[in-house]
Amino acid sequence: MVPVEALLGFVLLMVGFVFFGNGVTLLGKTGAKEIGVLNLGVGIFISIAAWKLHTLGLTAATALISVFALIYFMVAAIFALGYDSKGLGWFCLFAFIAFVWYAIHFFSLGTAGFWFGIFCLAWALLVILAFAALSLGKPLATLVGWIFVIEAILTLLIPGMLLLTEKWNPFGGIPS
């Protein structure tokens, strides 16, 4: 297995856990404190993976993963410590711009980046709705919760497991 694909698969799987956990929390199925701990743990794990990708010369991937990690550190503080979520909403607006930018970048890579472009657009939808809910006070928690759960499976769990089990190699072997 090429180390980069393994790291990307690991990150997608970890982020999938957080998406699922955050989604079921917004749907009222679990408590926020334990999911806050999950957010903190995954934030730490993917920060380490992002740094490793940086050392492999993939700084753009490091930046994208770091956007996620920062969100998870903020969510950990909100869920576990009870901080206000308006700041997270504004960060989500910034993340929306970053995800759209990355989608355009991945689409420019042709077929190799197509699915990652789609994933970035899906994540952009999620964070713009989170912005509307958290910073603008729109009643979207149930919708955002379901989008989290659906995206956890379609954009994170499935591609992450395909990468980890070497069933998918969209970039044809990124040099390690």
C-alpha atoms as a PDB file:
ATOM      1  CA  MET A   1       0.000   0.000   0.000  1.00  0.00           C
ATOM      2  CA  VAL A   2       1.240   3.464  -0.841  1.00  0.00           C
ATOM      3  CA  PRO A   3       1.645   5.375   2.468  1.00  0.00           C
ATOM      4  CA  VAL A   4      -0.208   8.450   1.236  1.00  0.00           C
ATOM      5  CA  GLU A   5      -3.348   6.505   0.325  1.00  0.00           C
ATOM      6  CA  ALA A   6      -3.177   4.742   3.693  1.00  0.00           C
ATOM      7  CA  LEU A   7      -2.962   8.083   5.515  1.00  0.00           C
ATOM      8  CA  LEU A   8      -5.833   9.505   3.481  1.00  0.00           C
ATOM      9  CA  GLY A   9      -7.913   6.395   4.190  1.00  0.00           C
ATOM     10  CA  PHE A  10      -7.144   6.717   7.909  1.00  0.00           C
ATOM     11  CA  VAL A  11      -8.138  10.396   7.926  1.00  0.00           C
ATOM     12  CA  LEU A  12     -11.375   9.731   6.038  1.00  0.00           C
ATOM     13  CA  LEU A  13     -12.295   6.916   8.422  1.00  0.00           C
ATOM     14  CA  MET A  14     -11.568   9.042  11.517  1.00  0.00           C
ATOM     15  CA  VAL A  15     -13.495  12.015  10.146  1.00  0.00           C
ATOM     16  CA  GLY A  16     -16.352   9.625   9.347  1.00  0.00           C
ATOM     17  CA  PHE A  17     -16.547   8.663  13.028  1.00  0.00           C
ATOM     18  CA  VAL A  18     -16.841  12.317  13.978  1.00  0.00           C
ATOM     19  CA  PHE A  19     -19.425  13.108  11.299  1.00  0.00           C
ATOM     20  CA  PHE A  20     -21.532  10.175  12.466  1.00  0.00           C
ATOM     21  CA  GLY A  21     -21.137  11.068  16.142  1.00  0.00           C
ATOM     22  CA  ASN A  22     -21.928  14.734  15.585  1.00  0.00           C
ATOM     23  CA  GLY A  23     -24.920  13.799  13.454  1.00  0.00           C
ATOM     24  CA  VAL A  24     -26.490  11.476  15.993  1.00  0.00           C
ATOM     25  CA  THR A  25     -25.825  14.065  18.703  1.00  0.00           C
ATOM     26  CA  LEU A  26     -27.699  16.723  16.716  1.00  0.00           C
ATOM     27  CA  LEU A  27     -30.509  14.198  16.275  1.00  0.00           C
ATOM     28  CA  GLY A  28     -30.680  13.828  20.066  1.00  0.00           C
ATOM     29  CA  LYS A  29     -29.531  10.192  20.142  1.00  0.00           C
ATOM     30  CA  THR A  30     -26.418  10.662  22.307  1.00  0.00           C
ATOM     31  CA  GLY A  31     -24.944  13.090  24.763  1.00  0.00           C
ATOM     32  CA  ALA A  32     -22.678  15.902  23.714  1.00  0.00           C
ATOM     33  CA  LYS A  33     -19.865  15.349  26.235  1.00  0.00           C
ATOM     34  CA  GLU A  34     -18.826  11.911  24.996  1.00  0.00           C
ATOM     35  CA  ILE A  35     -18.967  13.075  21.381  1.00  0.00           C
ATOM     36  CA  GLY A  36     -16.901  16.100  22.446  1.00  0.00           C
ATOM     37  CA  VAL A  37     -14.200  13.665  23.587  1.00  0.00           C
ATOM     38  CA  LEU A  38     -14.461  11.855  20.228  1.00  0.00           C
ATOM     39  CA  ASN A  39     -13.987  15.190  18.425  1.00  0.00           C
ATOM     40  CA  LEU A  40     -10.894  15.954  20.501  1.00  0.00           C
ATOM     41  CA  GLY A  41      -9.348  12.523  19.892  1.00  0.00           C
ATOM     42  CA  VAL A  42      -9.981  12.579  16.160  1.00  0.00           C
ATOM     43  CA  GLY A  43      -8.712  16.174  15.958  1.00  0.00           C
ATOM     44  CA  ILE A  44      -5.437  15.025  17.502  1.00  0.00           C
ATOM     45  CA  PHE A  45      -5.166  11.901  15.308  1.00  0.00           C
ATOM     46  CA  ILE A  46      -5.790  13.719  12.043  1.00  0.00           C
ATOM     47  CA  SER A  47      -3.459  16.570  13.033  1.00  0.00           C
ATOM     48  CA  ILE A  48      -0.676  13.996  13.347  1.00  0.00           C
ATOM     49  CA  ALA A  49      -1.624  12.468   9.981  1.00  0.00           C
ATOM     50  CA  ALA A  50      -1.727  15.937   8.419  1.00  0.00           C
ATOM     51  CA  TRP A  51       1.773  16.668   9.673  1.00  0.00           C
ATOM     52  CA  LYS A  52       2.993  13.379   8.188  1.00  0.00           C
ATOM     53  CA  LEU A  53       1.443  14.332   4.840  1.00  0.00           C
ATOM     54  CA  HIS A  54       3.261  17.673   5.070  1.00  0.00           C
ATOM     55  CA  THR A  55       6.575  15.852   5.566  1.00  0.00           C
ATOM     56  CA  LEU A  56       5.774  13.900   2.367  1.00  0.00           C
ATOM     57  CA  GLY A  57       5.438  17.197   0.479  1.00  0.00           C
ATOM     58  CA  LEU A  58       1.625  17.276   0.404  1.00  0.00           C
ATOM     59  CA  THR A  59       1.076  20.591   2.133  1.00  0.00           C
ATOM     60  CA  ALA A  60      -2.251  21.195   0.354  1.00  0.00           C
ATOM     61  CA  ALA A  61      -3.601  17.975   1.882  1.00  0.00           C
ATOM     62  CA  THR A  62      -2.205  19.091   5.250  1.00  0.00           C
ATOM     63  CA  ALA A  63      -4.131  22.355   5.013  1.00  0.00           C
ATOM     64  CA  LEU A  64      -7.418  20.658   4.078  1.00  0.00           C
ATOM     65  CA  ILE A  65      -7.133  18.141   6.912  1.00  0.00           C
ATOM     66  CA  SER A  66      -6.195  20.942   9.323  1.00  0.00           C
ATOM     67  CA  VAL A  67      -9.471  22.727   8.523  1.00  0.00           C
ATOM     68  CA  PHE A  68     -11.261  19.611   9.782  1.00  0.00           C
ATOM     69  CA  ALA A  69      -9.001  19.286  12.834  1.00  0.00           C
ATOM     70  CA  LEU A  70      -9.675  22.876  13.894  1.00  0.00           C
ATOM     71  CA  ILE A  71     -13.411  22.317  13.593  1.00  0.00           C
ATOM     72  CA  TYR A  72     -13.129  19.239  15.808  1.00  0.00           C
ATOM     73  CA  PHE A  73     -11.143  21.065  18.470  1.00  0.00           C
ATOM     74  CA  MET A  74     -13.821  23.756  18.533  1.00  0.00           C
ATOM     75  CA  VAL A  75     -16.647  21.195  18.655  1.00  0.00           C
ATOM     76  CA  ALA A  76     -14.859  19.373  21.487  1.00  0.00           C
ATOM     77  CA  ALA A  77     -14.827  22.584  23.536  1.00  0.00           C
ATOM     78  CA  ILE A  78     -18.461  23.337  22.702  1.00  0.00           C
ATOM     79  CA  PHE A  79     -19.772  19.845  23.478  1.00  0.00           C
ATOM     80  CA  ALA A  80     -17.565  18.999  26.465  1.00  0.00           C
ATOM     81  CA  LEU A  81     -17.126  22.422  28.055  1.00  0.00           C
ATOM     82  CA  GLY A  82     -20.329  24.166  27.006  1.00  0.00           C
ATOM     83  CA  TYR A  83     -18.795  27.006  25.019  1.00  0.00           C
ATOM     84  CA  ASP A  84     -20.924  29.095  22.671  1.00  0.00           C
ATOM     85  CA  SER A  85     -21.091  27.786  19.089  1.00  0.00           C
ATOM     86  CA  LYS A  86     -21.408  31.083  17.192  1.00  0.00           C
ATOM     87  CA  GLY A  87     -17.658  31.266  16.611  1.00  0.00           C
ATOM     88  CA  LEU A  88     -17.716  27.757  15.168  1.00  0.00           C
ATOM     89  CA  GLY A  89     -20.466  28.882  12.809  1.00  0.00           C
ATOM     90  CA  TRP A  90     -18.294  31.701  11.488  1.00  0.00           C
ATOM     91  CA  PHE A  91     -15.381  29.308  11.103  1.00  0.00           C
ATOM     92  CA  CYS A  92     -17.768  27.089   9.105  1.00  0.00           C
ATOM     93  CA  LEU A  93     -18.362  29.987   6.720  1.00  0.00           C
ATOM     94  CA  PHE A  94     -14.610  30.189   6.176  1.00  0.00           C
ATOM     95  CA  ALA A  95     -14.468  26.381   5.769  1.00  0.00           C
ATOM     96  CA  PHE A  96     -17.218  26.632   3.127  1.00  0.00           C
ATOM     97  CA  ILE A  97     -14.976  28.853   1.010  1.00  0.00           C
ATOM     98  CA  ALA A  98     -12.020  26.512   1.524  1.00  0.00           C
ATOM     99  CA  PHE A  99     -14.053  23.410   0.561  1.00  0.00           C
ATOM    100  CA  VAL A 100     -15.385  25.052  -2.610  1.00  0.00           C
ATOM    101  CA  TRP A 101     -11.836  26.095  -3.521  1.00  0.00           C
ATOM    102  CA  TYR A 102     -10.582  22.545  -2.951  1.00  0.00           C
ATOM    103  CA  ALA A 103     -13.477  21.133  -5.003  1.00  0.00           C
ATOM    104  CA  ILE A 104     -12.431  23.308  -7.939  1.00  0.00           C
ATOM    105  CA  HIS A 105      -8.846  22.143  -7.466  1.00  0.00           C
ATOM    106  CA  PHE A 106      -9.803  18.463  -7.411  1.00  0.00           C
ATOM    107  CA  PHE A 107     -12.034  18.843 -10.469  1.00  0.00           C
ATOM    108  CA  SER A 108      -9.078  20.431 -12.293  1.00  0.00           C
ATOM    109  CA  LEU A 109      -7.166  17.159 -11.802  1.00  0.00           C
ATOM    110  CA  GLY A 110      -9.592  15.357 -14.100  1.00  0.00           C
ATOM    111  CA  THR A 111     -10.889  11.899 -13.320  1.00  0.00           C
ATOM    112  CA  ALA A 112      -8.285  11.336 -10.570  1.00  0.00           C
ATOM    113  CA  GLY A 113      -9.727  14.109  -8.427  1.00  0.00           C
ATOM    114  CA  PHE A 114     -13.391  13.845  -9.399  1.00  0.00           C
ATOM    115  CA  TRP A 115     -14.644  12.025  -6.302  1.00  0.00           C
ATOM    116  CA  PHE A 116     -12.638  14.211  -3.929  1.00  0.00           C
ATOM    117  CA  GLY A 117     -14.183  17.240  -5.667  1.00  0.00           C
ATOM    118  CA  ILE A 118     -17.645  15.777  -5.042  1.00  0.00           C
ATOM    119  CA  PHE A 119     -16.746  15.097  -1.395  1.00  0.00           C
ATOM    120  CA  CYS A 120     -15.549  18.686  -0.936  1.00  0.00           C
ATOM    121  CA  LEU A 121     -18.826  20.014  -2.358  1.00  0.00           C
ATOM    122  CA  ALA A 122     -20.775  17.752   0.024  1.00  0.00           C
ATOM    123  CA  TRP A 123     -18.708  19.037   2.968  1.00  0.00           C
ATOM    124  CA  ALA A 124     -19.211  22.599   1.727  1.00  0.00           C
ATOM    125  CA  LEU A 125     -22.981  22.065   1.862  1.00  0.00           C
ATOM    126  CA  LEU A 126     -22.704  20.752   5.408  1.00  0.00           C
ATOM    127  CA  VAL A 127     -20.611  23.634   6.725  1.00  0.00           C
ATOM    128  CA  ILE A 128     -22.704  26.356   5.069  1.00  0.00           C
ATOM    129  CA  LEU A 129     -25.800  24.865   6.728  1.00  0.00           C
ATOM    130  CA  ALA A 130     -23.883  24.685  10.021  1.00  0.00           C
ATOM    131  CA  PHE A 131     -23.008  28.362   9.597  1.00  0.00           C
ATOM    132  CA  ALA A 132     -26.686  29.215   9.058  1.00  0.00           C
ATOM    133  CA  ALA A 133     -27.708  27.183  12.124  1.00  0.00           C
ATOM    134  CA  LEU A 134     -24.942  28.229  14.517  1.00  0.00           C
ATOM    135  CA  SER A 135     -24.272  31.855  13.627  1.00  0.00           C
ATOM    136  CA  LEU A 136     -27.564  32.955  12.122  1.00  0.00           C
ATOM    137  CA  GLY A 137     -29.838  30.937  14.418  1.00  0.00           C
ATOM    138  CA  LYS A 138     -31.715  29.074  11.667  1.00  0.00           C
ATOM    139  CA  PRO A 139     -33.573  25.959  12.938  1.00  0.00           C
ATOM    140  CA  LEU A 140     -31.616  23.406  10.908  1.00  0.00           C
ATOM    141  CA  ALA A 141     -30.280  21.005  13.560  1.00  0.00           C
ATOM    142  CA  THR A 142     -32.263  17.989  12.341  1.00  0.00           C
ATOM    143  CA  LEU A 143     -31.349  18.584   8.694  1.00  0.00           C
ATOM    144  CA  VAL A 144     -27.672  19.104   9.576  1.00  0.00           C
ATOM    145  CA  GLY A 145     -27.747  15.968  11.754  1.00  0.00           C
ATOM    146  CA  TRP A 146     -29.036  13.811   8.904  1.00  0.00           C
ATOM    147  CA  ILE A 147     -26.562  15.300   6.429  1.00  0.00           C
ATOM    148  CA  PHE A 148     -23.752  14.490   8.880  1.00  0.00           C
ATOM    149  CA  VAL A 149     -24.885  10.850   9.095  1.00  0.00           C
ATOM    150  CA  ILE A 150     -25.346  10.448   5.330  1.00  0.00           C
ATOM    151  CA  GLU A 151     -22.023  12.114   4.504  1.00  0.00           C
ATOM    152  CA  ALA A 152     -20.276  10.033   7.192  1.00  0.00           C
ATOM    153  CA  ILE A 153     -21.135   6.935   5.207  1.00  0.00           C
ATOM    154  CA  LEU A 154     -20.970   8.145   1.595  1.00  0.00           C
ATOM    155  CA  THR A 155     -18.044  10.582   1.638  1.00  0.00           C
ATOM    156  CA  LEU A 156     -15.932   9.196   4.477  1.00  0.00           C
ATOM    157  CA  LEU A 157     -16.547   5.602   5.610  1.00  0.00           C
ATOM    158  CA  ILE A 158     -16.873   4.018   2.162  1.00  0.00           C
ATOM    159  CA  PRO A 159     -13.966   5.843   0.460  1.00  0.00           C
ATOM    160  CA  GLY A 160     -11.814   5.570   3.589  1.00  0.00           C
ATOM    161  CA  MET A 161     -12.302   1.812   3.812  1.00  0.00           C
ATOM    162  CA  LEU A 162     -11.751   1.416   0.067  1.00  0.00           C
ATOM    163  CA  LEU A 163      -8.440   3.252   0.401  1.00  0.00           C
ATOM    164  CA  LEU A 164      -7.406   1.291   3.500  1.00  0.00           C
ATOM    165  CA  THR A 165      -8.224  -2.062   1.914  1.00  0.00           C
ATOM    166  CA  GLU A 166      -6.532  -1.098  -1.381  1.00  0.00           C
ATOM    167  CA  LYS A 167      -9.766  -1.398  -3.370  1.00  0.00           C
ATOM    168  CA  TRP A 168      -9.539   2.200  -4.623  1.00  0.00           C
ATOM    169  CA  ASN A 169      -6.537   4.193  -5.716  1.00  0.00           C
ATOM    170  CA  PRO A 170      -7.874   7.357  -7.354  1.00  0.00           C
ATOM    171  CA  PHE A 171      -4.482   8.940  -7.920  1.00  0.00           C
ATOM    172  CA  GLY A 172      -2.795   5.842  -9.325  1.00  0.00           C
ATOM    173  CA  GLY A 173      -0.135   5.661  -6.637  1.00  0.00           C
ATOM    174  CA  ILE A 174       1.065   8.884  -5.130  1.00  0.00           C
ATOM    175  CA  PRO A 175       4.822   8.573  -4.544  1.00  0.00           C
ATOM    176  CA  SER A 176       5.744   8.140  -0.898  1.00  0.00           C
END
